[in-house]
Amino acid sequence: MGHEELLDFCQRHKRLFCYGAGKYAMTVREFLFEQKIELERFIVSTSREQNNIFMGLPVNGVADVLPVENDVGIIIGVGESKHDEIKDTLHQYGVMDYFAVDKNCFMDIDSHTEYDKQWTDHDKKVCVLLYHRVCDLPLDIWGLAIKPEVFERHIRFYKENYNILRFDEDWSNVQEPSLVITFDDGYADNLHYALPILEKYQVPATIFVSSGNIGTDKEFWWDELERIIFYNEKNEYYFRPNDKIFSLSTYEEKKEACQRVRLFLKKLLPKEREDFLKGMVSELDADRLSRSINRTMNEKELRIMASSPYITIGGHTVTHNMLSAESKEQQEWEIITSKKRIEEIIDNEITVFSYPFGRDDDINEHSFEAVKKAGYKRAATTSVGVAGKGKEPYKIPRNSMPFYQNNRDLKKQLSVIYTLL
């Protein structure tokens, strides 16, 4: 079954309910809205408080609305693993006429949906987007880079369809869905490829800079790991911490080795990680020269970036270490030292910060305390979601966007973020 069968089902009923309030249900609602077919409500297994709204429609517990009259058609808009349970529930209420959206049907419906409607049922209006790099990399196993021509399509779409805010401005009176654009790390390509596009469309962005490699030719440690694994003279690598031998014969084998070793290195302190990588270089007889394409902005470039009226510079620690692996004192050193270093270079105060890696297990209460102690006013995580008036200013969620190649995919992802997160 697919979208045509769903439309046939809808046309046979005067009233339509959708069972579910997640990803499947969201796509069903979007598709039917574009077909000018109105759902009446969403229903879920447990009772909901009054005034609970999803995509502009009420959400009710199944016991609050069933049984129903014969003219009501129920669309099961959840993943297939829940279908049997939901069908049993509907049968208990005497409902035998329903349409179950399976995986293939969902994919077909999704392919026929443009996601033109932006649903916001709450006061969370600010969606902060996360990028890292704008360049065409010959090797990008970490998935950090977006090609300049694709990035320009993103920026043009945002400019034409959204209000765009700065990360450091007041969001308390924002009334419409708005975007904020951010970059992490401070790669030099942010200046050479991202900035011209941002200035062309007059779009503001915040660049969170890790200060440890400024003025050096060093790569970030994950890029160094990539270089060691991909550019060496060996066909295998014995990873002692896990007592595992990685074959290095193919691209996929090298990529797996990088990803597995990265998980280990991420939890080390900076000096421990540096020593471990040096040992890998010797053991694998790897290329020792840093790749200039992966360098951080130098002092001059950082000053040029900061001088743009569209750019805000923020802090991102010294070593880009996982803060939760460090002591309270080490975290304060990372956060305060990097802030002072960047302020000296750009001759201006920085008031915003982003946590390296930024997931819940990458930071802790000492991280928040150190950011406040340093004098930062707002800080970004990498937990997905949308910011609102009541959002903790030191736990702002962000949403990674570099993998979407066209406007339709951007619209869909932003719809998911605003609707479900």
Protein backbone atom coordinates (compact mmCIF):
# COMPACT_ATOMS: atom_id res chain seq x y z
CA MET A 1 0.00 0.00 0.00
CA GLY A 2 1.01 3.60 -0.53
CA HIS A 3 -0.22 7.16 -0.73
CA GLU A 4 -2.97 6.38 -3.26
CA GLU A 5 -4.52 3.76 -1.00
CA LEU A 6 -4.39 6.21 1.91
CA LEU A 7 -6.19 8.81 -0.18
CA ASP A 8 -8.87 6.24 -1.13
CA PHE A 9 -9.37 5.41 2.55
CA CYS A 10 -9.69 9.09 3.46
CA GLN A 11 -12.25 9.73 0.71
CA ARG A 12 -14.50 7.01 2.11
CA HIS A 13 -14.81 8.74 5.49
CA LYS A 14 -16.30 12.03 6.59
CA ARG A 15 -14.07 12.29 9.68
CA LEU A 16 -10.48 11.21 10.15
CA PHE A 17 -8.43 10.50 13.27
CA CYS A 18 -4.73 9.61 13.32
CA TYR A 19 -3.54 7.16 15.96
CA GLY A 20 -0.09 8.36 16.99
CA ALA A 21 1.77 11.60 17.57
CA GLY A 22 5.30 10.94 16.34
CA LYS A 23 7.27 10.80 13.09
CA TYR A 24 4.76 8.69 11.14
CA ALA A 25 1.83 10.78 12.34
CA MET A 26 3.67 13.98 11.47
CA THR A 27 4.21 12.85 7.89
CA VAL A 28 0.58 11.70 7.58
CA ARG A 29 -0.60 15.12 8.77
CA GLU A 30 1.76 16.97 6.39
CA PHE A 31 0.74 14.81 3.43
CA LEU A 32 -3.00 15.09 4.03
CA PHE A 33 -2.75 18.83 4.65
CA GLU A 34 -1.06 19.28 1.28
CA GLN A 35 -3.84 17.19 -0.30
CA LYS A 36 -6.41 19.49 1.37
CA ILE A 37 -7.70 16.62 3.52
CA GLU A 38 -8.24 17.56 7.15
CA LEU A 39 -7.62 15.35 10.14
CA GLU A 40 -9.88 16.03 13.09
CA ARG A 41 -7.55 14.94 15.88
CA PHE A 42 -4.70 12.69 16.99
CA ILE A 43 -5.30 9.89 19.45
CA VAL A 44 -2.75 8.16 21.66
CA SER A 45 -2.85 5.20 24.03
CA THR A 46 -2.73 7.21 27.27
CA SER A 47 -4.97 10.07 28.33
CA ARG A 48 -3.68 13.58 27.73
CA GLU A 49 -4.32 16.85 29.50
CA GLN A 50 -6.83 19.19 27.97
CA ASN A 51 -5.48 21.68 25.44
CA ASN A 52 -2.73 19.27 24.35
CA ILE A 53 -1.99 20.24 20.74
CA PHE A 54 0.10 18.56 18.06
CA MET A 55 0.45 20.12 14.60
CA GLY A 56 -2.53 22.35 15.24
CA LEU A 57 -4.88 19.54 16.28
CA PRO A 58 -6.04 18.21 19.65
CA VAL A 59 -4.41 15.08 21.07
CA ASN A 60 -6.71 12.80 23.06
CA GLY A 61 -6.31 9.52 24.85
CA VAL A 62 -7.97 6.61 23.10
CA ALA A 63 -10.37 6.07 26.00
CA ASP A 64 -11.52 9.69 25.70
CA VAL A 65 -12.70 9.43 22.08
CA LEU A 66 -13.57 5.77 21.42
CA PRO A 67 -15.89 4.18 20.49
CA VAL A 68 -16.67 6.30 17.43
CA GLU A 69 -19.39 6.52 14.82
CA ASN A 70 -19.18 4.58 11.58
CA ASP A 71 -18.19 7.62 9.51
CA VAL A 72 -14.86 7.98 11.34
CA GLY A 73 -11.76 6.52 9.69
CA ILE A 74 -8.71 5.87 11.86
CA ILE A 75 -5.22 6.01 10.37
CA ILE A 76 -2.61 4.12 12.38
CA GLY A 77 0.34 6.46 12.11
CA VAL A 78 3.05 4.74 14.15
CA GLY A 79 5.88 2.30 13.45
CA GLU A 80 4.99 -1.26 12.55
CA SER A 81 6.24 -2.68 15.87
CA LYS A 82 3.19 -1.09 17.55
CA HIS A 83 0.58 -2.05 14.95
CA ASP A 84 -0.66 -5.29 16.54
CA GLU A 85 -1.01 -3.67 19.96
CA ILE A 86 -2.95 -0.72 18.51
CA LYS A 87 -5.18 -2.96 16.40
CA ASP A 88 -6.04 -4.98 19.52
CA THR A 89 -6.96 -1.75 21.30
CA LEU A 90 -9.16 -0.62 18.41
CA HIS A 91 -10.87 -4.02 18.27
CA GLN A 92 -11.70 -3.73 21.98
CA TYR A 93 -13.66 -0.58 21.11
CA GLY A 94 -15.36 -2.24 18.16
CA VAL A 95 -13.28 -0.43 15.53
CA MET A 96 -12.54 -2.61 12.52
CA ASP A 97 -12.18 0.07 9.84
CA TYR A 98 -8.67 1.48 9.92
CA PHE A 99 -5.68 2.11 7.68
CA ALA A 100 -2.26 1.01 9.00
CA VAL A 101 0.74 2.88 7.65
CA ASP A 102 3.57 0.35 7.32
CA LYS A 103 7.18 1.19 6.50
CA ASN A 104 6.77 1.03 2.72
CA CYS A 105 3.61 3.11 2.87
CA PHE A 106 5.34 5.65 5.08
CA MET A 107 8.23 5.97 2.64
CA ASP A 108 5.81 6.43 -0.26
CA ILE A 109 3.81 9.06 1.62
CA ASP A 110 7.03 10.82 2.59
CA SER A 111 8.21 10.89 -1.03
CA HIS A 112 4.97 12.62 -2.04
CA THR A 113 5.16 15.26 0.70
CA GLU A 114 6.81 18.66 0.26
CA TYR A 115 6.71 19.70 3.95
CA ASP A 116 5.72 23.26 3.06
CA LYS A 117 3.74 23.87 6.25
CA GLN A 118 5.70 24.84 9.40
CA TRP A 119 3.92 23.69 12.56
CA THR A 120 4.73 25.27 15.92
CA ASP A 121 2.39 24.37 18.76
CA HIS A 122 4.53 25.82 21.56
CA ASP A 123 6.47 28.92 22.53
CA LYS A 124 9.79 27.40 21.45
CA LYS A 125 10.56 29.38 18.33
CA VAL A 126 14.36 29.52 18.02
CA CYS A 127 16.06 26.68 16.16
CA VAL A 128 19.85 26.84 16.42
CA LEU A 129 21.66 25.13 13.54
CA LEU A 130 25.13 23.60 13.78
CA TYR A 131 27.79 23.43 11.08
CA HIS A 132 31.52 22.76 11.29
CA ARG A 133 33.18 23.14 7.90
CA VAL A 134 32.47 24.57 4.45
CA CYS A 135 34.80 23.03 1.88
CA ASP A 136 35.18 20.12 -0.51
CA LEU A 137 37.33 17.66 1.42
CA PRO A 138 39.10 14.77 -0.30
CA LEU A 139 38.52 12.73 2.88
CA ASP A 140 35.75 13.43 5.41
CA ILE A 141 35.07 10.33 7.50
CA TRP A 142 33.66 12.44 10.35
CA GLY A 143 31.01 14.01 8.14
CA LEU A 144 31.86 17.56 9.21
CA ALA A 145 32.11 19.29 5.83
CA ILE A 146 29.46 20.71 3.53
CA LYS A 147 30.42 21.76 0.01
CA PRO A 148 30.31 25.53 -0.60
CA GLU A 149 27.62 25.27 -3.30
CA VAL A 150 25.39 23.20 -0.98
CA PHE A 151 25.99 25.59 1.92
CA GLU A 152 24.95 28.48 -0.32
CA ARG A 153 21.70 26.68 -1.13
CA HIS A 154 21.09 26.28 2.62
CA ILE A 155 21.73 29.95 3.33
CA ARG A 156 19.58 31.11 0.44
CA PHE A 157 16.71 28.90 1.66
CA TYR A 158 17.02 30.17 5.24
CA LYS A 159 17.15 33.77 4.07
CA GLU A 160 14.04 33.40 1.90
CA ASN A 161 11.94 31.49 4.44
CA TYR A 162 12.97 32.37 8.00
CA ASN A 163 13.78 35.16 10.37
CA ILE A 164 17.50 34.73 11.17
CA LEU A 165 18.81 35.77 14.58
CA ARG A 166 22.23 36.05 16.17
CA PHE A 167 23.21 33.60 18.91
CA ASP A 168 24.10 36.43 21.28
CA GLU A 169 20.94 38.54 20.92
CA ASP A 170 17.80 38.65 23.07
CA TRP A 171 15.27 35.99 22.00
CA SER A 172 12.63 36.72 24.64
CA ASN A 173 10.19 38.44 22.29
CA VAL A 174 10.54 36.14 19.27
CA GLN A 175 7.05 35.37 17.94
CA GLU A 176 7.79 33.41 14.77
CA PRO A 177 9.96 30.40 13.91
CA SER A 178 13.52 31.73 13.68
CA LEU A 179 16.92 30.26 12.91
CA VAL A 180 20.37 30.83 14.37
CA ILE A 181 23.46 29.66 12.46
CA THR A 182 26.54 28.45 14.33
CA PHE A 183 29.88 26.83 13.53
CA ASP A 184 32.07 24.83 15.91
CA ASP A 185 35.87 24.56 16.10
CA GLY A 186 37.18 27.51 14.06
CA TYR A 187 38.51 25.84 10.92
CA ALA A 188 40.15 28.23 8.44
CA ASP A 189 37.62 27.26 5.75
CA ASN A 190 34.98 29.11 7.81
CA LEU A 191 36.70 32.32 6.75
CA HIS A 192 37.59 31.41 3.19
CA TYR A 193 34.37 29.67 2.10
CA ALA A 194 31.59 30.25 4.64
CA LEU A 195 32.06 33.97 5.30
CA PRO A 196 31.74 35.13 1.65
CA ILE A 197 28.42 33.30 1.38
CA LEU A 198 27.15 34.66 4.70
CA GLU A 199 28.08 38.20 3.66
CA LYS A 200 26.58 37.77 0.20
CA TYR A 201 23.17 37.02 1.73
CA GLN A 202 23.68 39.26 4.78
CA VAL A 203 23.12 36.36 7.17
CA PRO A 204 24.65 36.41 10.68
CA ALA A 205 26.47 33.44 12.19
CA THR A 206 28.44 32.61 15.32
CA ILE A 207 31.84 30.87 15.11
CA PHE A 208 32.84 28.99 18.28
CA VAL A 209 36.63 28.77 18.23
CA SER A 210 38.85 26.26 20.00
CA SER A 211 41.97 28.26 20.81
CA GLY A 212 44.70 25.63 21.27
CA ASN A 213 45.76 25.35 17.61
CA ILE A 214 45.53 29.04 16.69
CA GLY A 215 48.80 30.14 15.10
CA THR A 216 50.05 26.57 14.57
CA ASP A 217 49.88 24.08 11.71
CA LYS A 218 48.41 21.37 13.96
CA GLU A 219 45.29 19.45 13.06
CA PHE A 220 42.54 18.77 15.58
CA TRP A 221 43.17 15.44 17.25
CA TRP A 222 40.37 13.61 15.36
CA ASP A 223 41.82 14.82 12.06
CA GLU A 224 45.25 13.66 13.20
CA LEU A 225 43.78 10.24 13.95
CA GLU A 226 42.25 10.14 10.48
CA ARG A 227 45.64 10.98 8.93
CA ILE A 228 47.45 8.31 10.95
CA ILE A 229 45.00 5.54 10.05
CA PHE A 230 44.55 6.43 6.38
CA TYR A 231 48.11 7.44 5.48
CA ASN A 232 50.50 4.80 6.81
CA GLU A 233 52.63 1.89 5.64
CA LYS A 234 50.87 -0.92 7.51
CA ASN A 235 47.97 -3.25 6.65
CA GLU A 236 46.77 -3.67 10.23
CA TYR A 237 46.82 -1.96 13.61
CA TYR A 238 46.91 -3.63 17.02
CA PHE A 239 44.72 -1.54 19.33
CA ARG A 240 46.04 -2.51 22.74
CA PRO A 241 43.37 -0.89 24.95
CA ASN A 242 40.75 -3.24 23.45
CA ASP A 243 43.16 -6.05 22.55
CA LYS A 244 41.90 -5.86 18.98
CA ILE A 245 43.60 -6.02 15.61
CA PHE A 246 42.12 -3.73 12.96
CA SER A 247 42.70 -4.57 9.33
CA LEU A 248 43.61 -1.44 7.34
CA SER A 249 43.30 -2.79 3.82
CA THR A 250 40.14 -0.99 2.70
CA TYR A 251 38.47 2.38 3.18
CA GLU A 252 35.69 0.88 5.28
CA GLU A 253 38.15 -0.97 7.52
CA LYS A 254 40.16 2.20 8.09
CA LYS A 255 36.99 4.17 8.82
CA GLU A 256 35.86 1.61 11.38
CA ALA A 257 39.28 1.71 13.05
CA CYS A 258 39.11 5.50 13.25
CA GLN A 259 35.66 5.46 14.79
CA ARG A 260 36.53 2.83 17.37
CA VAL A 261 39.81 4.47 18.39
CA ARG A 262 38.14 7.90 18.52
CA LEU A 263 35.74 6.67 21.22
CA PHE A 264 38.75 5.72 23.33
CA LEU A 265 40.72 8.91 22.66
CA LYS A 266 37.74 11.16 23.38
CA LYS A 267 37.77 10.12 27.05
CA LEU A 268 41.49 10.76 27.60
CA LEU A 269 43.04 13.91 28.97
CA PRO A 270 44.85 16.05 26.35
CA LYS A 271 48.41 14.97 27.27
CA GLU A 272 47.42 11.30 27.40
CA ARG A 273 45.79 11.56 23.98
CA GLU A 274 48.75 13.40 22.49
CA ASP A 275 51.14 10.69 23.72
CA PHE A 276 48.89 7.93 22.42
CA LEU A 277 48.72 9.49 18.95
CA LYS A 278 52.50 9.90 18.88
CA GLY A 279 52.79 6.20 19.65
CA MET A 280 50.41 5.38 16.80
CA VAL A 281 52.49 7.44 14.36
CA SER A 282 55.62 5.48 15.27
CA GLU A 283 53.93 2.08 15.32
CA LEU A 284 52.22 2.55 11.94
CA ASP A 285 55.03 4.55 10.32
CA ALA A 286 52.33 7.10 9.50
CA ASP A 287 52.50 10.44 7.72
CA ARG A 288 53.74 13.00 10.27
CA LEU A 289 52.86 16.16 8.34
CA SER A 290 49.68 17.97 9.28
CA ARG A 291 47.34 18.68 6.37
CA SER A 292 46.92 22.41 5.88
CA ILE A 293 43.33 21.96 4.75
CA ASN A 294 42.47 20.98 8.33
CA ARG A 295 44.11 23.88 10.12
CA THR A 296 42.47 26.35 12.47
CA MET A 297 42.29 30.04 11.62
CA ASN A 298 45.46 31.91 12.58
CA GLU A 299 45.44 35.21 14.51
CA LYS A 300 45.16 37.39 11.40
CA GLU A 301 42.34 35.30 9.96
CA LEU A 302 40.47 35.29 13.25
CA ARG A 303 40.67 39.09 13.40
CA ILE A 304 39.35 39.35 9.84
CA MET A 305 36.50 36.99 10.70
CA ALA A 306 35.64 38.93 13.86
CA SER A 307 35.61 42.23 11.96
CA SER A 308 32.68 41.16 9.79
CA PRO A 309 29.39 42.77 10.91
CA TYR A 310 27.72 39.38 10.37
CA ILE A 311 29.99 37.35 12.64
CA THR A 312 29.99 36.74 16.39
CA ILE A 313 32.99 34.91 17.85
CA GLY A 314 32.49 32.52 20.76
CA GLY A 315 34.61 30.23 22.93
CA HIS A 316 35.07 26.47 22.53
CA THR A 317 37.83 25.59 25.08
CA VAL A 318 41.58 25.27 24.50
CA THR A 319 42.02 21.59 23.60
CA HIS A 320 38.53 20.52 22.51
CA ASN A 321 38.52 17.90 25.23
CA MET A 322 35.46 16.15 26.61
CA LEU A 323 34.87 18.37 29.65
CA SER A 324 33.24 15.66 31.77
CA ALA A 325 36.55 13.72 31.63
CA GLU A 326 38.34 16.63 33.32
CA SER A 327 38.41 17.85 36.89
CA LYS A 328 36.64 21.03 37.96
CA GLU A 329 39.97 22.89 37.89
CA GLN A 330 40.90 21.58 34.44
CA GLN A 331 37.53 22.60 33.05
CA GLU A 332 37.91 26.11 34.42
CA TRP A 333 41.36 26.34 32.83
CA GLU A 334 40.01 25.15 29.44
CA ILE A 335 37.11 27.61 29.45
CA ILE A 336 38.69 30.70 31.01
CA THR A 337 42.07 30.43 29.24
CA SER A 338 40.51 30.06 25.80
CA LYS A 339 38.23 33.04 26.43
CA LYS A 340 41.16 35.28 27.38
CA ARG A 341 43.24 34.11 24.41
CA ILE A 342 40.51 34.83 21.86
CA GLU A 343 39.66 38.19 23.43
CA GLU A 344 43.31 39.22 23.21
CA ILE A 345 43.42 38.33 19.52
CA ILE A 346 40.20 40.04 18.42
CA ASP A 347 40.42 42.86 21.00
CA ASN A 348 36.81 42.37 22.02
CA GLU A 349 34.85 40.54 24.70
CA ILE A 350 33.23 37.23 23.81
CA THR A 351 30.04 36.34 25.67
CA VAL A 352 28.93 33.03 24.14
CA PHE A 353 30.32 29.51 24.30
CA SER A 354 29.72 26.00 22.97
CA TYR A 355 30.70 22.78 24.74
CA PRO A 356 33.03 20.41 22.84
CA PHE A 357 31.01 17.44 21.58
CA GLY A 358 28.14 18.84 23.62
CA ARG A 359 26.05 15.78 24.47
CA ASP A 360 24.76 15.13 27.97
CA ASP A 361 27.58 12.74 28.88
CA ASP A 362 30.23 15.14 27.53
CA ILE A 363 29.49 17.83 30.13
CA ASN A 364 28.52 18.01 33.81
CA GLU A 365 27.60 20.52 36.48
CA HIS A 366 31.23 21.68 36.75
CA SER A 367 31.04 22.60 33.04
CA PHE A 368 28.05 24.86 33.57
CA GLU A 369 29.64 26.43 36.65
CA ALA A 370 32.90 27.12 34.80
CA VAL A 371 31.07 28.73 31.87
CA LYS A 372 29.19 31.03 34.23
CA LYS A 373 32.37 31.80 36.19
CA ALA A 374 34.14 32.78 32.95
CA GLY A 375 31.46 35.40 32.31
CA TYR A 376 29.69 33.77 29.40
CA LYS A 377 26.01 34.72 29.02
CA ARG A 378 24.81 31.82 26.84
CA ALA A 379 26.17 28.38 25.91
CA ALA A 380 25.26 25.79 23.27
CA THR A 381 25.07 22.03 23.54
CA THR A 382 24.60 19.54 20.69
CA SER A 383 21.42 18.05 22.13
CA VAL A 384 18.72 18.39 19.48
CA GLY A 385 15.69 20.58 20.03
CA VAL A 386 14.29 24.10 19.89
CA ALA A 387 14.96 26.96 22.30
CA GLY A 388 12.19 28.97 23.93
CA LYS A 389 11.65 31.62 26.55
CA GLY A 390 12.12 29.24 29.44
CA LYS A 391 15.14 27.42 28.04
CA GLU A 392 18.19 27.32 30.30
CA PRO A 393 20.67 29.81 28.73
CA TYR A 394 23.62 27.50 29.37
CA LYS A 395 21.96 24.47 27.75
CA ILE A 396 20.82 25.76 24.36
CA PRO A 397 20.04 22.84 21.99
CA ARG A 398 21.40 22.73 18.44
CA ASN A 399 20.64 20.75 15.34
CA SER A 400 23.21 19.55 12.80
CA MET A 401 22.26 20.35 9.20
CA PRO A 402 25.14 19.63 6.77
CA PHE A 403 23.77 16.45 5.21
CA TYR A 404 20.72 17.87 3.47
CA GLN A 405 21.25 18.51 -0.23
CA ASN A 406 18.04 20.24 -1.29
CA ASN A 407 15.29 22.53 -0.04
CA ARG A 408 12.76 19.76 0.39
CA ASP A 409 15.08 17.87 2.77
CA LEU A 410 15.76 21.07 4.70
CA LYS A 411 12.04 21.76 5.03
CA LYS A 412 11.42 18.22 6.23
CA GLN A 413 14.19 18.31 8.83
CA LEU A 414 13.11 21.69 10.17
CA SER A 415 9.54 20.41 10.35
CA VAL A 416 10.75 17.42 12.38
CA ILE A 417 12.74 19.69 14.71
CA TYR A 418 9.91 22.14 15.33
CA THR A 419 7.21 19.47 15.59
CA LEU A 420 8.79 16.59 17.47
CA LEU A 421 11.75 17.91 19.48
